[in-house]
Amino acid sequence: MATDSRAKDYLGTVGELIHLISERKSYWLAPVIFALLLVAALGFFLEGSVLAPAIYSIF
């Protein structure tokens, strides 16, 4: 049940962010946010792998 609630909160936050970008016409923020999300996903999925120390040393 907690995972479902966290997923809804996350999707609500993403929806608000997309609404803010489209309302303010700040389309230049989209690639920045995409790159940050990509780095966050990379860190999340490689957390327990052998490649994690190499990724952490880059940043």
N, C-alpha and C. Protein backbone atom coordinates (compact mmCIF):
# COMPACT_ATOMS: atom_id res chain seq x y z
N MET A 1 0.83 -1.19 0.00
CA MET A 1 0.00 0.00 0.00
C MET A 1 0.88 1.25 0.00
N ALA A 2 2.00 1.22 0.71
CA ALA A 2 2.86 2.40 0.77
C ALA A 2 3.50 2.68 -0.58
N THR A 3 3.82 1.63 -1.32
CA THR A 3 4.43 1.82 -2.64
C THR A 3 3.45 2.49 -3.59
N ASP A 4 2.19 2.09 -3.52
CA ASP A 4 1.16 2.69 -4.36
C ASP A 4 1.01 4.18 -4.06
N SER A 5 1.04 4.52 -2.80
CA SER A 5 0.92 5.92 -2.39
C SER A 5 2.13 6.73 -2.86
N ARG A 6 3.31 6.15 -2.73
CA ARG A 6 4.52 6.86 -3.17
C ARG A 6 4.53 7.06 -4.68
N ALA A 7 4.03 6.07 -5.42
CA ALA A 7 3.97 6.19 -6.88
C ALA A 7 3.01 7.29 -7.29
N LYS A 8 1.86 7.39 -6.60
CA LYS A 8 0.90 8.44 -6.92
C LYS A 8 1.47 9.82 -6.60
N ASP A 9 2.21 9.93 -5.49
CA ASP A 9 2.85 11.20 -5.15
C ASP A 9 3.87 11.58 -6.21
N TYR A 10 4.66 10.60 -6.67
CA TYR A 10 5.68 10.86 -7.67
C TYR A 10 5.04 11.32 -8.98
N LEU A 11 3.99 10.62 -9.42
CA LEU A 11 3.33 10.99 -10.67
C LEU A 11 2.65 12.35 -10.55
N GLY A 12 2.14 12.67 -9.36
CA GLY A 12 1.55 13.99 -9.16
C GLY A 12 2.60 15.08 -9.26
N THR A 13 3.78 14.82 -8.73
CA THR A 13 4.88 15.79 -8.80
C THR A 13 5.34 15.98 -10.23
N VAL A 14 5.47 14.89 -10.97
CA VAL A 14 5.88 14.98 -12.37
C VAL A 14 4.83 15.73 -13.18
N GLY A 15 3.57 15.48 -12.92
CA GLY A 15 2.50 16.19 -13.63
C GLY A 15 2.52 17.68 -13.35
N GLU A 16 2.76 18.03 -12.09
CA GLU A 16 2.85 19.46 -11.75
C GLU A 16 4.05 20.11 -12.43
N LEU A 17 5.15 19.39 -12.51
CA LEU A 17 6.35 19.92 -13.17
C LEU A 17 6.10 20.14 -14.66
N ILE A 18 5.45 19.20 -15.30
CA ILE A 18 5.13 19.35 -16.73
C ILE A 18 4.17 20.51 -16.94
N HIS A 19 3.19 20.65 -16.05
CA HIS A 19 2.25 21.77 -16.15
C HIS A 19 2.97 23.11 -15.98
N LEU A 20 3.91 23.17 -15.05
CA LEU A 20 4.67 24.40 -14.83
C LEU A 20 5.50 24.77 -16.05
N ILE A 21 6.15 23.78 -16.64
CA ILE A 21 6.97 24.05 -17.82
C ILE A 21 6.12 24.54 -18.98
N SER A 22 4.97 23.91 -19.18
CA SER A 22 4.13 24.33 -20.31
C SER A 22 3.45 25.66 -20.05
N GLU A 23 3.10 25.95 -18.81
CA GLU A 23 2.42 27.22 -18.49
C GLU A 23 3.38 28.40 -18.60
N ARG A 24 4.59 28.23 -18.13
CA ARG A 24 5.56 29.32 -18.14
C ARG A 24 6.37 29.39 -19.43
N LYS A 25 6.16 28.43 -20.33
CA LYS A 25 6.88 28.37 -21.61
C LYS A 25 8.39 28.26 -21.39
N SER A 26 8.76 27.49 -20.39
CA SER A 26 10.18 27.27 -20.07
C SER A 26 10.64 25.95 -20.68
N TYR A 27 10.55 25.85 -21.98
CA TYR A 27 10.89 24.60 -22.64
C TYR A 27 12.37 24.28 -22.57
N TRP A 28 13.19 25.25 -22.27
CA TRP A 28 14.62 24.98 -22.14
C TRP A 28 14.92 24.17 -20.90
N LEU A 29 13.99 24.11 -19.94
CA LEU A 29 14.20 23.31 -18.73
C LEU A 29 14.00 21.82 -18.98
N ALA A 30 13.28 21.46 -20.01
CA ALA A 30 12.97 20.05 -20.26
C ALA A 30 14.24 19.19 -20.44
N PRO A 31 15.23 19.60 -21.25
CA PRO A 31 16.44 18.77 -21.36
C PRO A 31 17.23 18.69 -20.05
N VAL A 32 17.22 19.76 -19.28
CA VAL A 32 17.93 19.76 -17.99
C VAL A 32 17.27 18.76 -17.04
N ILE A 33 15.97 18.80 -16.97
CA ILE A 33 15.24 17.88 -16.09
C ILE A 33 15.39 16.45 -16.58
N PHE A 34 15.36 16.24 -17.89
CA PHE A 34 15.54 14.90 -18.43
C PHE A 34 16.92 14.35 -18.08
N ALA A 35 17.95 15.17 -18.19
CA ALA A 35 19.30 14.72 -17.84
C ALA A 35 19.41 14.39 -16.36
N LEU A 36 18.81 15.20 -15.50
CA LEU A 36 18.84 14.92 -14.07
C LEU A 36 18.10 13.63 -13.74
N LEU A 37 16.97 13.41 -14.38
CA LEU A 37 16.23 12.17 -14.16
C LEU A 37 17.00 10.96 -14.66
N LEU A 38 17.71 11.12 -15.76
CA LEU A 38 18.52 10.03 -16.30
C LEU A 38 19.65 9.66 -15.34
N VAL A 39 20.32 10.66 -14.79
CA VAL A 39 21.39 10.41 -13.83
C VAL A 39 20.83 9.78 -12.55
N ALA A 40 19.67 10.25 -12.10
CA ALA A 40 19.05 9.68 -10.90
C ALA A 40 18.65 8.22 -11.14
N ALA A 41 18.09 7.92 -12.30
CA ALA A 41 17.71 6.54 -12.62
C ALA A 41 18.94 5.65 -12.71
N LEU A 42 20.00 6.17 -13.29
CA LEU A 42 21.25 5.41 -13.39
C LEU A 42 21.78 5.09 -12.00
N GLY A 43 21.78 6.06 -11.12
CA GLY A 43 22.23 5.83 -9.75
C GLY A 43 21.35 4.86 -9.00
N PHE A 44 20.05 4.91 -9.25
CA PHE A 44 19.11 4.03 -8.56
C PHE A 44 19.28 2.58 -9.02
N PHE A 45 19.35 2.37 -10.31
CA PHE A 45 19.41 1.00 -10.83
C PHE A 45 20.79 0.37 -10.68
N LEU A 46 21.84 1.15 -10.60
CA LEU A 46 23.18 0.58 -10.44
C LEU A 46 23.66 0.58 -8.99
N GLU A 47 22.75 0.84 -8.07
CA GLU A 47 23.12 0.95 -6.67
C GLU A 47 23.78 -0.31 -6.14
N GLY A 48 23.26 -1.45 -6.44
CA GLY A 48 23.80 -2.69 -5.89
C GLY A 48 24.69 -3.44 -6.85
N SER A 49 25.03 -2.87 -7.96
CA SER A 49 25.81 -3.62 -8.95
C SER A 49 27.30 -3.38 -8.78
N VAL A 50 28.05 -4.10 -9.58
CA VAL A 50 29.51 -3.99 -9.56
C VAL A 50 29.96 -2.66 -10.16
N LEU A 51 29.16 -2.08 -11.03
CA LEU A 51 29.52 -0.83 -11.69
C LEU A 51 29.32 0.40 -10.82
N ALA A 52 28.68 0.26 -9.68
CA ALA A 52 28.37 1.40 -8.83
C ALA A 52 29.61 2.20 -8.43
N PRO A 53 30.71 1.58 -8.00
CA PRO A 53 31.88 2.39 -7.64
C PRO A 53 32.44 3.21 -8.81
N ALA A 54 32.35 2.68 -10.01
CA ALA A 54 32.83 3.41 -11.18
C ALA A 54 31.94 4.61 -11.46
N ILE A 55 30.64 4.43 -11.33
CA ILE A 55 29.71 5.53 -11.56
C ILE A 55 29.89 6.61 -10.51
N TYR A 56 30.05 6.21 -9.25
CA TYR A 56 30.20 7.19 -8.18
C TYR A 56 31.52 7.95 -8.29
N SER A 57 32.55 7.31 -8.83
CA SER A 57 33.82 8.03 -8.96
C SER A 57 33.76 9.07 -10.07
N ILE A 58 32.87 8.90 -11.05
CA ILE A 58 32.72 9.89 -12.11
C ILE A 58 32.12 11.16 -11.57
N PHE A 59 31.16 11.03 -10.67
CA PHE A 59 30.46 12.19 -10.14
C PHE A 59 31.04 12.61 -8.82
